[in-house]
Amino acid sequence: MAVTVNFSVHSKTPHGLGKIHLKSSDHKKQMESGISNNFSRKQKHLQKNTGITNIHHRRPRSIGGACSKENESVVPILRHDRWTIITGCMNALQTTQAINCLLKLLNQPYRFYVFSKKSKTGHPMTELITPGKVDCKKDYKKIDAWKYLFAGYKPKQIQREINEIWLDPYYYLKLDFIN
């Protein structure tokens, strides 16, 4: 017997993540997509199999990001929640610093440096951009979120995904291995 699932996303919640309302022919279920690891196995399975996604603003709207094709990535909602645990609403420089702090905690032999795509010389960005808000201050939550997002990835794969999906489109990360 097939179950029809309808959903709608409402983006006016405290963290801008949205609420998801799920309805099936058998029962009504409401689930909030806030920053939480408290999803039941059934809810995670339902999200995965219904393709529930969220729009990620690569430059957060709270610091001047636009609702444009260039600034938006459509990502699975659980991955978006994990990214938000790590970065909150940070700008590109803050995001890079947060990632490098995690890499240090995880004893990884590499770090990232952020560059502006506007710069012709390729020097690290020097322009001041609006600082963003940090939501999560607990390292163990950030580490769990990082592992959820990038477990099994090689450093180049992490770099590519962050540059193509997560980071402000006017900036990019470069990888550097520590001696």
C-alpha atoms as a PDB file:
ATOM      1  CA  MET A   1       0.000   0.000   0.000  1.00  0.00           C
ATOM      2  CA  ALA A   2       1.489   3.343  -1.038  1.00  0.00           C
ATOM      3  CA  VAL A   3       1.441   6.266   1.372  1.00  0.00           C
ATOM      4  CA  THR A   4       1.125   9.743  -0.056  1.00  0.00           C
ATOM      5  CA  VAL A   5       3.179  12.364   1.740  1.00  0.00           C
ATOM      6  CA  ASN A   6       2.538  16.056   1.319  1.00  0.00           C
ATOM      7  CA  PHE A   7       4.747  18.671   2.929  1.00  0.00           C
ATOM      8  CA  SER A   8       5.231  22.377   3.082  1.00  0.00           C
ATOM      9  CA  VAL A   9       8.127  24.425   4.412  1.00  0.00           C
ATOM     10  CA  HIS A  10       7.563  27.592   6.412  1.00  0.00           C
ATOM     11  CA  SER A  11      10.765  29.611   6.786  1.00  0.00           C
ATOM     12  CA  LYS A  12       9.738  32.009   9.582  1.00  0.00           C
ATOM     13  CA  THR A  13      11.275  30.251  12.589  1.00  0.00           C
ATOM     14  CA  PRO A  14      13.927  31.492  15.057  1.00  0.00           C
ATOM     15  CA  HIS A  15      16.922  30.140  13.139  1.00  0.00           C
ATOM     16  CA  GLY A  16      15.435  30.633   9.676  1.00  0.00           C
ATOM     17  CA  LEU A  17      15.467  26.862   9.164  1.00  0.00           C
ATOM     18  CA  GLY A  18      11.773  26.316   8.666  1.00  0.00           C
ATOM     19  CA  LYS A  19       9.091  24.010   9.899  1.00  0.00           C
ATOM     20  CA  ILE A  20       8.026  20.975   7.988  1.00  0.00           C
ATOM     21  CA  HIS A  21       4.497  19.684   8.209  1.00  0.00           C
ATOM     22  CA  LEU A  22       4.026  16.096   7.086  1.00  0.00           C
ATOM     23  CA  LYS A  23       0.649  14.558   6.389  1.00  0.00           C
ATOM     24  CA  SER A  24      -0.040  10.999   5.369  1.00  0.00           C
ATOM     25  CA  SER A  25      -3.238   9.113   4.681  1.00  0.00           C
ATOM     26  CA  ASP A  26      -2.836   7.147   7.934  1.00  0.00           C
ATOM     27  CA  HIS A  27      -1.919   9.835  10.441  1.00  0.00           C
ATOM     28  CA  LYS A  28      -0.859  13.444  10.880  1.00  0.00           C
ATOM     29  CA  LYS A  29       2.669  14.135  12.013  1.00  0.00           C
ATOM     30  CA  GLN A  30       4.411  17.396  12.594  1.00  0.00           C
ATOM     31  CA  MET A  31       8.167  17.657  12.818  1.00  0.00           C
ATOM     32  CA  GLU A  32      10.334  20.700  13.392  1.00  0.00           C
ATOM     33  CA  SER A  33      13.590  20.899  11.456  1.00  0.00           C
ATOM     34  CA  GLY A  34      15.495  22.965  14.017  1.00  0.00           C
ATOM     35  CA  ILE A  35      19.062  22.199  15.018  1.00  0.00           C
ATOM     36  CA  SER A  36      18.510  18.889  16.728  1.00  0.00           C
ATOM     37  CA  ASN A  37      19.658  15.309  16.768  1.00  0.00           C
ATOM     38  CA  ASN A  38      16.341  14.199  18.252  1.00  0.00           C
ATOM     39  CA  PHE A  39      14.825  12.823  15.041  1.00  0.00           C
ATOM     40  CA  SER A  40      13.391   9.366  15.369  1.00  0.00           C
ATOM     41  CA  ARG A  41      14.631   6.678  13.007  1.00  0.00           C
ATOM     42  CA  LYS A  42      11.219   6.697  11.299  1.00  0.00           C
ATOM     43  CA  GLN A  43      11.354  10.488  10.794  1.00  0.00           C
ATOM     44  CA  LYS A  44      14.868  10.304   9.296  1.00  0.00           C
ATOM     45  CA  HIS A  45      13.744   7.501   6.972  1.00  0.00           C
ATOM     46  CA  LEU A  46      10.697   9.526   5.949  1.00  0.00           C
ATOM     47  CA  GLN A  47      12.833  12.619   5.243  1.00  0.00           C
ATOM     48  CA  LYS A  48      15.304  10.622   3.194  1.00  0.00           C
ATOM     49  CA  ASN A  49      12.644   8.878   1.135  1.00  0.00           C
ATOM     50  CA  THR A  50      10.455  11.917   0.473  1.00  0.00           C
ATOM     51  CA  GLY A  51      13.394  14.079  -0.621  1.00  0.00           C
ATOM     52  CA  ILE A  52      12.720  16.858   1.859  1.00  0.00           C
ATOM     53  CA  THR A  53      15.184  19.651   1.208  1.00  0.00           C
ATOM     54  CA  ASN A  54      15.901  23.140   2.395  1.00  0.00           C
ATOM     55  CA  ILE A  55      17.316  26.195   0.669  1.00  0.00           C
ATOM     56  CA  HIS A  56      20.744  27.121   2.000  1.00  0.00           C
ATOM     57  CA  HIS A  57      21.764  30.741   1.542  1.00  0.00           C
ATOM     58  CA  ARG A  58      25.495  30.588   0.893  1.00  0.00           C
ATOM     59  CA  ARG A  59      25.900  34.163   2.120  1.00  0.00           C
ATOM     60  CA  PRO A  60      23.382  34.293   4.968  1.00  0.00           C
ATOM     61  CA  ARG A  61      20.491  36.650   4.429  1.00  0.00           C
ATOM     62  CA  SER A  62      21.158  38.149   7.871  1.00  0.00           C
ATOM     63  CA  ILE A  63      24.463  39.567   6.572  1.00  0.00           C
ATOM     64  CA  GLY A  64      23.267  40.733   3.184  1.00  0.00           C
ATOM     65  CA  GLY A  65      22.867  37.520   1.183  1.00  0.00           C
ATOM     66  CA  ALA A  66      20.325  37.643  -1.622  1.00  0.00           C
ATOM     67  CA  CYS A  67      17.595  35.220  -2.583  1.00  0.00           C
ATOM     68  CA  SER A  68      19.199  34.525  -5.951  1.00  0.00           C
ATOM     69  CA  LYS A  69      20.123  31.400  -7.875  1.00  0.00           C
ATOM     70  CA  GLU A  70      23.836  32.128  -7.351  1.00  0.00           C
ATOM     71  CA  ASN A  71      23.430  32.437  -3.556  1.00  0.00           C
ATOM     72  CA  GLU A  72      21.108  29.475  -2.981  1.00  0.00           C
ATOM     73  CA  SER A  73      21.824  25.757  -2.773  1.00  0.00           C
ATOM     74  CA  VAL A  74      19.113  23.140  -2.357  1.00  0.00           C
ATOM     75  CA  VAL A  75      20.348  20.623   0.201  1.00  0.00           C
ATOM     76  CA  PRO A  76      18.879  17.762   2.249  1.00  0.00           C
ATOM     77  CA  ILE A  77      17.450  19.254   5.410  1.00  0.00           C
ATOM     78  CA  LEU A  78      19.489  17.111   7.819  1.00  0.00           C
ATOM     79  CA  ARG A  79      22.733  18.142   6.096  1.00  0.00           C
ATOM     80  CA  HIS A  80      21.638  21.791   6.223  1.00  0.00           C
ATOM     81  CA  ASP A  81      20.957  21.473   9.946  1.00  0.00           C
ATOM     82  CA  ARG A  82      24.436  20.023  10.522  1.00  0.00           C
ATOM     83  CA  TRP A  83      26.104  22.809   8.517  1.00  0.00           C
ATOM     84  CA  THR A  84      24.199  25.369  10.600  1.00  0.00           C
ATOM     85  CA  ILE A  85      25.495  23.755  13.805  1.00  0.00           C
ATOM     86  CA  ILE A  86      29.045  24.345  12.558  1.00  0.00           C
ATOM     87  CA  THR A  87      28.697  27.811  11.041  1.00  0.00           C
ATOM     88  CA  GLY A  88      25.512  29.477  12.259  1.00  0.00           C
ATOM     89  CA  CYS A  89      25.142  32.585  10.096  1.00  0.00           C
ATOM     90  CA  MET A  90      28.852  33.305   9.693  1.00  0.00           C
ATOM     91  CA  ASN A  91      30.576  35.163   6.900  1.00  0.00           C
ATOM     92  CA  ALA A  92      33.230  33.426   4.753  1.00  0.00           C
ATOM     93  CA  LEU A  93      36.162  34.340   7.011  1.00  0.00           C
ATOM     94  CA  GLN A  94      34.369  33.244  10.181  1.00  0.00           C
ATOM     95  CA  THR A  95      33.304  30.014   8.466  1.00  0.00           C
ATOM     96  CA  THR A  96      36.902  29.246   7.518  1.00  0.00           C
ATOM     97  CA  GLN A  97      38.081  29.930  11.060  1.00  0.00           C
ATOM     98  CA  ALA A  98      35.369  27.674  12.503  1.00  0.00           C
ATOM     99  CA  ILE A  99      36.281  24.859  10.096  1.00  0.00           C
ATOM    100  CA  ASN A 100      39.985  25.174  10.922  1.00  0.00           C
ATOM    101  CA  CYS A 101      39.226  25.027  14.659  1.00  0.00           C
ATOM    102  CA  LEU A 102      37.332  21.776  14.062  1.00  0.00           C
ATOM    103  CA  LEU A 103      40.155  20.359  11.954  1.00  0.00           C
ATOM    104  CA  LYS A 104      42.580  21.164  14.767  1.00  0.00           C
ATOM    105  CA  LEU A 105      40.315  19.448  17.345  1.00  0.00           C
ATOM    106  CA  LEU A 106      40.159  16.415  15.047  1.00  0.00           C
ATOM    107  CA  ASN A 107      43.973  16.400  14.602  1.00  0.00           C
ATOM    108  CA  GLN A 108      43.689  16.702  10.818  1.00  0.00           C
ATOM    109  CA  PRO A 109      46.918  17.514   8.898  1.00  0.00           C
ATOM    110  CA  TYR A 110      45.359  20.265   6.757  1.00  0.00           C
ATOM    111  CA  ARG A 111      43.724  23.691   7.015  1.00  0.00           C
ATOM    112  CA  PHE A 112      41.758  25.933   4.685  1.00  0.00           C
ATOM    113  CA  TYR A 113      42.404  29.517   3.621  1.00  0.00           C
ATOM    114  CA  VAL A 114      39.725  31.765   2.187  1.00  0.00           C
ATOM    115  CA  PHE A 115      40.189  33.873  -0.937  1.00  0.00           C
ATOM    116  CA  SER A 116      37.997  36.400  -2.678  1.00  0.00           C
ATOM    117  CA  LYS A 117      36.910  35.591  -6.238  1.00  0.00           C
ATOM    118  CA  LYS A 118      37.020  39.327  -6.930  1.00  0.00           C
ATOM    119  CA  SER A 119      40.759  39.522  -6.253  1.00  0.00           C
ATOM    120  CA  LYS A 120      42.919  39.245  -9.366  1.00  0.00           C
ATOM    121  CA  THR A 121      46.069  38.537  -7.367  1.00  0.00           C
ATOM    122  CA  GLY A 122      44.684  35.576  -5.413  1.00  0.00           C
ATOM    123  CA  HIS A 123      45.797  37.053  -2.083  1.00  0.00           C
ATOM    124  CA  PRO A 124      43.635  36.219   0.946  1.00  0.00           C
ATOM    125  CA  MET A 125      40.694  38.520   1.243  1.00  0.00           C
ATOM    126  CA  THR A 126      41.329  41.751   3.069  1.00  0.00           C
ATOM    127  CA  GLU A 127      37.968  43.423   2.683  1.00  0.00           C
ATOM    128  CA  LEU A 128      35.821  43.679   5.761  1.00  0.00           C
ATOM    129  CA  ILE A 129      32.490  41.958   5.494  1.00  0.00           C
ATOM    130  CA  THR A 130      29.684  41.932   8.001  1.00  0.00           C
ATOM    131  CA  PRO A 131      30.313  39.445  10.799  1.00  0.00           C
ATOM    132  CA  GLY A 132      27.620  36.864  11.328  1.00  0.00           C
ATOM    133  CA  LYS A 133      26.103  35.235  14.389  1.00  0.00           C
ATOM    134  CA  VAL A 134      27.394  31.968  15.846  1.00  0.00           C
ATOM    135  CA  ASP A 135      24.618  29.651  17.051  1.00  0.00           C
ATOM    136  CA  CYS A 136      26.324  26.611  18.574  1.00  0.00           C
ATOM    137  CA  LYS A 137      29.187  26.938  21.028  1.00  0.00           C
ATOM    138  CA  LYS A 138      29.590  23.273  21.998  1.00  0.00           C
ATOM    139  CA  ASP A 139      32.571  21.621  20.308  1.00  0.00           C
ATOM    140  CA  TYR A 140      31.220  18.072  20.599  1.00  0.00           C
ATOM    141  CA  LYS A 141      28.081  19.053  18.636  1.00  0.00           C
ATOM    142  CA  LYS A 142      30.199  20.695  15.947  1.00  0.00           C
ATOM    143  CA  ILE A 143      32.444  17.626  15.720  1.00  0.00           C
ATOM    144  CA  ASP A 144      29.411  15.335  15.386  1.00  0.00           C
ATOM    145  CA  ALA A 145      27.977  17.616  12.691  1.00  0.00           C
ATOM    146  CA  TRP A 146      31.307  17.628  10.797  1.00  0.00           C
ATOM    147  CA  LYS A 147      31.495  13.837  10.897  1.00  0.00           C
ATOM    148  CA  TYR A 148      27.897  13.596   9.670  1.00  0.00           C
ATOM    149  CA  LEU A 149      28.667  15.881   6.719  1.00  0.00           C
ATOM    150  CA  PHE A 150      32.134  14.732   5.725  1.00  0.00           C
ATOM    151  CA  ALA A 151      32.813  11.225   7.106  1.00  0.00           C
ATOM    152  CA  GLY A 152      34.870   9.306   4.566  1.00  0.00           C
ATOM    153  CA  TYR A 153      35.591  12.374   2.441  1.00  0.00           C
ATOM    154  CA  LYS A 154      39.131  13.212   1.348  1.00  0.00           C
ATOM    155  CA  PRO A 155      40.316  16.802   1.954  1.00  0.00           C
ATOM    156  CA  LYS A 156      39.899  17.738  -1.746  1.00  0.00           C
ATOM    157  CA  GLN A 157      36.316  16.404  -1.690  1.00  0.00           C
ATOM    158  CA  ILE A 158      35.550  18.479   1.402  1.00  0.00           C
ATOM    159  CA  GLN A 159      37.046  21.549  -0.269  1.00  0.00           C
ATOM    160  CA  ARG A 160      34.998  21.012  -3.435  1.00  0.00           C
ATOM    161  CA  GLU A 161      31.706  20.518  -1.574  1.00  0.00           C
ATOM    162  CA  ILE A 162      32.214  23.550   0.661  1.00  0.00           C
ATOM    163  CA  ASN A 163      33.129  25.742  -2.330  1.00  0.00           C
ATOM    164  CA  GLU A 164      30.272  24.531  -4.544  1.00  0.00           C
ATOM    165  CA  ILE A 165      27.453  24.194  -2.010  1.00  0.00           C
ATOM    166  CA  TRP A 166      28.074  25.857   1.337  1.00  0.00           C
ATOM    167  CA  LEU A 167      30.414  28.863   1.152  1.00  0.00           C
ATOM    168  CA  ASP A 168      29.524  32.407   0.094  1.00  0.00           C
ATOM    169  CA  PRO A 169      29.721  32.349  -3.735  1.00  0.00           C
ATOM    170  CA  TYR A 170      32.080  35.352  -3.807  1.00  0.00           C
ATOM    171  CA  TYR A 171      34.764  33.429  -1.896  1.00  0.00           C
ATOM    172  CA  TYR A 172      36.496  30.073  -2.136  1.00  0.00           C
ATOM    173  CA  LEU A 173      38.639  27.888   0.090  1.00  0.00           C
ATOM    174  CA  LYS A 174      42.104  26.617  -0.725  1.00  0.00           C
ATOM    175  CA  LEU A 175      43.570  23.573   0.938  1.00  0.00           C
ATOM    176  CA  ASP A 176      46.959  23.595   2.638  1.00  0.00           C
ATOM    177  CA  PHE A 177      48.640  20.639   4.331  1.00  0.00           C
ATOM    178  CA  ILE A 178      50.539  21.211   7.570  1.00  0.00           C
ATOM    179  CA  ASN A 179      54.145  20.012   7.699  1.00  0.00           C
END
